[in-house]
Amino acid sequence: MSVILVFLLVIVGFAGWWLSHQRLMAKPWLEQGLIGDIIGPEGSTLPTAKIGLGVFLAVVGCLFALFTSAYFMRMALSDWQALPLPRVLWFNTGVLVLSSVALQCAAVAARRGQIDTVRLGLVTAGLTALAFLIGQLVAWRELTADGYLLTANPANSFFYLITGMHGLHILGGLVGLSRTTAGAWDGARPERLRLSVELCAMYWHFLLFVWLAIFALLAGWAATFIEICRQLLT
């Protein structure tokens, strides 16, 4: 239960930081300038699409929090045998970080109207995300070749379940990213393209955060951190 609370607190903190950058708490009646400058071209300081994506990511975060809690509860039993962490996961982590950075650069370029940089960032993010998924499959193949099959041990099952679920969300994100990339080449309206790129970047940053949490969990660092917190609280 404490694991879920910690994970949810982190998600709430992340959501609060993000909302603070979206002018949600702005007081337009106290601000100077034209009404059009305050409301913005789309009639809202916070687009509905961003709110919807934020709610969706909160649900996804809760799902992974439940997986994490079940992981900790199951590993306490005597039949748990932790499997070795494939080295390729380190490479995959670096690739996913690069993908997130590329999308952030594309989002900044979209705000500045630098379409060539937007295209470069989107393509880079897509290729590195594909490399991440391929790397995950390589990790699965290495483990199965060494005898760490899905049903051989509960630890194996959790590894394939959690990494597979994260990979499916990456794959789903690639669908949206491909549409945004196509729009960047087809001459989509700057406002629409900017929003699409920002949504992709927001989604990618969240999946990067989730993966870092998963990586720490599988490496055993999360368990060590929680144990230290328990000792400090007692």
Protein backbone atom coordinates (compact mmCIF):
# COMPACT_ATOMS: atom_id res chain seq x y z
CA MET A 1 0.00 0.00 0.00
CA SER A 2 2.85 2.39 0.78
CA VAL A 3 4.28 1.80 -2.69
CA ILE A 4 1.03 2.92 -4.31
CA LEU A 5 0.94 6.04 -2.14
CA VAL A 6 4.52 6.96 -3.02
CA PHE A 7 3.91 6.41 -6.72
CA LEU A 8 0.67 8.40 -6.67
CA LEU A 9 2.30 11.24 -4.74
CA VAL A 10 4.97 11.47 -7.42
CA ILE A 11 2.31 11.50 -10.13
CA VAL A 12 0.34 14.19 -8.30
CA GLY A 13 3.51 16.24 -7.92
CA PHE A 14 4.29 15.88 -11.61
CA ALA A 15 0.72 16.81 -12.54
CA GLY A 16 0.83 19.83 -10.25
CA TRP A 17 4.08 21.03 -11.79
CA TRP A 18 2.67 20.60 -15.28
CA LEU A 19 -0.58 22.41 -14.47
CA SER A 20 1.36 25.28 -12.94
CA HIS A 21 2.96 25.81 -16.35
CA GLN A 22 -0.39 25.78 -18.18
CA ARG A 23 -1.82 29.02 -16.67
CA LEU A 24 -4.65 27.04 -15.06
CA MET A 25 -4.53 29.24 -11.97
CA ALA A 26 -4.21 32.48 -13.91
CA LYS A 27 -6.50 35.41 -12.99
CA PRO A 28 -7.26 37.07 -16.34
CA TRP A 29 -9.25 39.90 -14.70
CA LEU A 30 -6.02 41.02 -13.01
CA GLU A 31 -3.87 40.82 -16.12
CA GLN A 32 -3.18 43.62 -18.58
CA GLY A 33 -3.66 43.39 -22.30
CA LEU A 34 -6.31 42.67 -24.87
CA ILE A 35 -8.98 40.07 -24.28
CA GLY A 36 -7.74 38.13 -27.28
CA ASP A 37 -4.26 37.99 -25.77
CA ILE A 38 -5.62 36.56 -22.53
CA ILE A 39 -8.02 34.00 -23.93
CA GLY A 40 -5.83 32.94 -26.82
CA PRO A 41 -6.68 31.94 -30.37
CA GLU A 42 -8.50 28.76 -29.37
CA GLY A 43 -10.63 30.30 -26.62
CA SER A 44 -8.90 28.55 -23.72
CA THR A 45 -5.60 28.87 -21.92
CA LEU A 46 -5.60 25.09 -21.46
CA PRO A 47 -6.68 23.09 -24.54
CA THR A 48 -9.18 20.31 -23.93
CA ALA A 49 -6.81 17.84 -25.55
CA LYS A 50 -4.19 18.50 -22.89
CA ILE A 51 -6.72 18.02 -20.10
CA GLY A 52 -7.89 14.77 -21.65
CA LEU A 53 -4.35 13.49 -22.06
CA GLY A 54 -3.56 14.48 -18.47
CA VAL A 55 -6.52 12.45 -17.19
CA PHE A 56 -5.50 9.48 -19.35
CA LEU A 57 -1.92 9.61 -18.05
CA ALA A 58 -3.21 9.73 -14.48
CA VAL A 59 -5.15 6.52 -15.13
CA VAL A 60 -2.10 4.89 -16.71
CA GLY A 61 0.00 5.98 -13.75
CA CYS A 62 -2.45 4.32 -11.36
CA LEU A 63 -2.27 1.13 -13.44
CA PHE A 64 1.50 0.97 -13.17
CA ALA A 65 1.26 1.83 -9.47
CA LEU A 66 -0.93 -1.25 -8.99
CA PHE A 67 1.58 -3.37 -10.90
CA THR A 68 4.35 -2.03 -8.69
CA SER A 69 2.43 -2.78 -5.50
CA ALA A 70 1.67 -6.32 -6.67
CA TYR A 71 5.36 -6.74 -7.56
CA PHE A 72 6.48 -5.84 -4.04
CA MET A 73 3.86 -8.03 -2.38
CA ARG A 74 4.69 -11.03 -4.57
CA MET A 75 8.45 -10.74 -4.16
CA ALA A 76 8.06 -11.20 -0.40
CA LEU A 77 7.10 -14.86 -0.90
CA SER A 78 9.64 -17.67 -0.74
CA ASP A 79 9.32 -18.86 -4.34
CA TRP A 80 10.44 -15.50 -5.78
CA GLN A 81 13.69 -15.73 -7.77
CA ALA A 82 14.80 -12.41 -9.22
CA LEU A 83 16.09 -12.66 -12.77
CA PRO A 84 19.26 -10.88 -13.93
CA LEU A 85 18.90 -7.48 -15.53
CA PRO A 86 19.92 -7.60 -19.22
CA ARG A 87 22.62 -5.08 -20.03
CA VAL A 88 20.74 -3.94 -23.10
CA LEU A 89 18.20 -2.27 -20.79
CA TRP A 90 20.83 0.38 -20.02
CA PHE A 91 21.11 1.12 -23.73
CA ASN A 92 17.33 1.14 -24.06
CA THR A 93 17.06 3.66 -21.23
CA GLY A 94 19.52 6.01 -22.91
CA VAL A 95 17.66 5.69 -26.22
CA LEU A 96 14.33 6.54 -24.58
CA VAL A 97 15.89 9.58 -22.90
CA LEU A 98 17.16 10.70 -26.31
CA SER A 99 13.68 10.20 -27.77
CA SER A 100 12.13 12.37 -25.06
CA VAL A 101 14.78 15.07 -25.54
CA ALA A 102 14.17 15.07 -29.29
CA LEU A 103 10.44 15.62 -28.78
CA GLN A 104 11.09 18.41 -26.31
CA CYS A 105 13.31 20.11 -28.90
CA ALA A 106 10.55 19.65 -31.48
CA ALA A 107 8.02 21.24 -29.11
CA VAL A 108 10.26 24.27 -28.55
CA ALA A 109 10.86 24.56 -32.29
CA ALA A 110 7.11 24.38 -32.96
CA ARG A 111 6.54 27.37 -30.67
CA ARG A 112 9.18 29.30 -32.61
CA GLY A 113 7.85 28.27 -36.02
CA GLN A 114 11.03 26.38 -36.97
CA ILE A 115 9.42 23.69 -39.10
CA ASP A 116 12.68 22.04 -40.21
CA THR A 117 13.75 21.52 -36.61
CA VAL A 118 10.28 20.20 -35.78
CA ARG A 119 10.54 17.61 -38.53
CA LEU A 120 14.02 16.59 -37.43
CA GLY A 121 12.91 16.22 -33.81
CA LEU A 122 9.86 14.18 -34.72
CA VAL A 123 11.79 11.80 -36.96
CA THR A 124 14.54 11.40 -34.36
CA ALA A 125 11.98 10.69 -31.64
CA GLY A 126 10.24 8.10 -33.80
CA LEU A 127 13.43 6.27 -34.80
CA THR A 128 14.78 6.19 -31.25
CA ALA A 129 11.42 4.94 -29.94
CA LEU A 130 11.55 2.11 -32.49
CA ALA A 131 15.11 1.37 -31.36
CA PHE A 132 13.84 1.20 -27.77
CA LEU A 133 11.16 -1.34 -28.69
CA ILE A 134 13.66 -3.43 -30.64
CA GLY A 135 16.01 -3.31 -27.65
CA GLN A 136 13.21 -4.53 -25.39
CA LEU A 137 12.62 -7.49 -27.70
CA VAL A 138 16.35 -8.22 -27.62
CA ALA A 139 16.21 -8.25 -23.81
CA TRP A 140 13.28 -10.68 -23.91
CA ARG A 141 15.13 -12.93 -26.33
CA GLU A 142 18.26 -12.96 -24.17
CA LEU A 143 16.26 -13.93 -21.09
CA THR A 144 14.29 -16.68 -22.82
CA ALA A 145 17.50 -18.06 -24.35
CA ASP A 146 18.98 -18.28 -20.84
CA GLY A 147 15.94 -20.19 -19.58
CA TYR A 148 14.03 -17.34 -17.92
CA LEU A 149 10.68 -18.24 -19.44
CA LEU A 150 7.38 -16.50 -18.77
CA THR A 151 5.88 -19.19 -16.53
CA ALA A 152 9.12 -20.42 -14.94
CA ASN A 153 8.91 -18.04 -11.98
CA PRO A 154 6.66 -15.21 -10.75
CA ALA A 155 9.54 -12.74 -11.12
CA ASN A 156 9.80 -13.63 -14.80
CA SER A 157 6.06 -13.15 -15.30
CA PHE A 158 6.14 -9.70 -13.72
CA PHE A 159 9.14 -8.68 -15.82
CA TYR A 160 7.43 -9.59 -19.10
CA LEU A 161 4.09 -8.15 -17.96
CA ILE A 162 5.39 -4.75 -16.85
CA THR A 163 7.87 -4.22 -19.68
CA GLY A 164 5.31 -5.50 -22.21
CA MET A 165 2.64 -3.13 -20.94
CA HIS A 166 5.05 -0.21 -21.15
CA GLY A 167 6.07 -1.27 -24.65
CA LEU A 168 2.42 -1.30 -25.75
CA HIS A 169 2.03 2.29 -24.57
CA ILE A 170 5.15 3.25 -26.52
CA LEU A 171 3.70 1.53 -29.58
CA GLY A 172 0.43 3.40 -29.15
CA GLY A 173 2.36 6.64 -28.84
CA LEU A 174 4.12 5.91 -32.12
CA VAL A 175 0.74 5.90 -33.86
CA GLY A 176 0.05 9.45 -32.68
CA LEU A 177 3.63 10.49 -33.38
CA SER A 178 3.43 9.19 -36.96
CA ARG A 179 0.28 11.25 -37.55
CA THR A 180 1.96 14.34 -36.13
CA THR A 181 5.03 13.74 -38.29
CA ALA A 182 2.84 13.35 -41.38
CA GLY A 183 1.15 16.65 -40.53
CA ALA A 184 4.52 18.38 -40.25
CA TRP A 185 5.27 17.38 -43.84
CA ASP A 186 1.75 17.99 -45.19
CA GLY A 187 1.67 21.61 -44.10
CA ALA A 188 -0.62 21.42 -41.08
CA ARG A 189 -1.69 24.70 -39.49
CA PRO A 190 1.03 25.99 -37.12
CA GLU A 191 -1.35 26.13 -34.13
CA ARG A 192 -2.57 22.58 -34.70
CA LEU A 193 0.94 21.26 -35.30
CA ARG A 194 2.21 22.95 -32.16
CA LEU A 195 -0.51 21.38 -30.04
CA SER A 196 0.10 17.93 -31.55
CA VAL A 197 3.83 18.12 -30.89
CA GLU A 198 3.28 19.30 -27.33
CA LEU A 199 0.87 16.42 -26.69
CA CYS A 200 3.41 13.93 -28.04
CA ALA A 201 6.15 15.45 -25.89
CA MET A 202 3.94 15.33 -22.80
CA TYR A 203 3.10 11.68 -23.45
CA TRP A 204 6.74 10.78 -24.08
CA HIS A 205 8.01 12.51 -20.94
CA PHE A 206 5.47 10.57 -18.90
CA LEU A 207 6.48 7.23 -20.43
CA LEU A 208 10.12 8.07 -19.78
CA PHE A 209 9.31 8.72 -16.12
CA VAL A 210 7.38 5.43 -15.91
CA TRP A 211 10.24 3.54 -17.53
CA LEU A 212 12.79 5.01 -15.11
CA ALA A 213 10.56 3.85 -12.25
CA ILE A 214 10.27 0.38 -13.84
CA PHE A 215 14.02 0.21 -14.38
CA ALA A 216 14.66 1.11 -10.74
CA LEU A 217 12.10 -1.50 -9.69
CA LEU A 218 13.64 -4.29 -11.76
CA ALA A 219 17.16 -3.36 -10.71
CA GLY A 220 16.19 -3.56 -7.03
CA TRP A 221 16.85 0.10 -6.31
CA ALA A 222 13.20 0.87 -5.52
CA ALA A 223 13.07 -1.84 -2.86
CA THR A 224 16.25 -0.48 -1.27
CA PHE A 225 14.87 3.07 -1.31
CA ILE A 226 11.59 2.02 0.33
CA GLU A 227 13.44 0.03 2.97
CA ILE A 228 15.58 3.07 3.81
CA CYS A 229 12.42 5.20 4.08
CA ARG A 230 10.84 2.67 6.43
CA GLN A 231 13.91 2.68 8.65
CA LEU A 232 13.87 6.47 8.79
CA LEU A 233 10.20 6.53 9.74
CA THR A 234 10.58 3.94 12.52
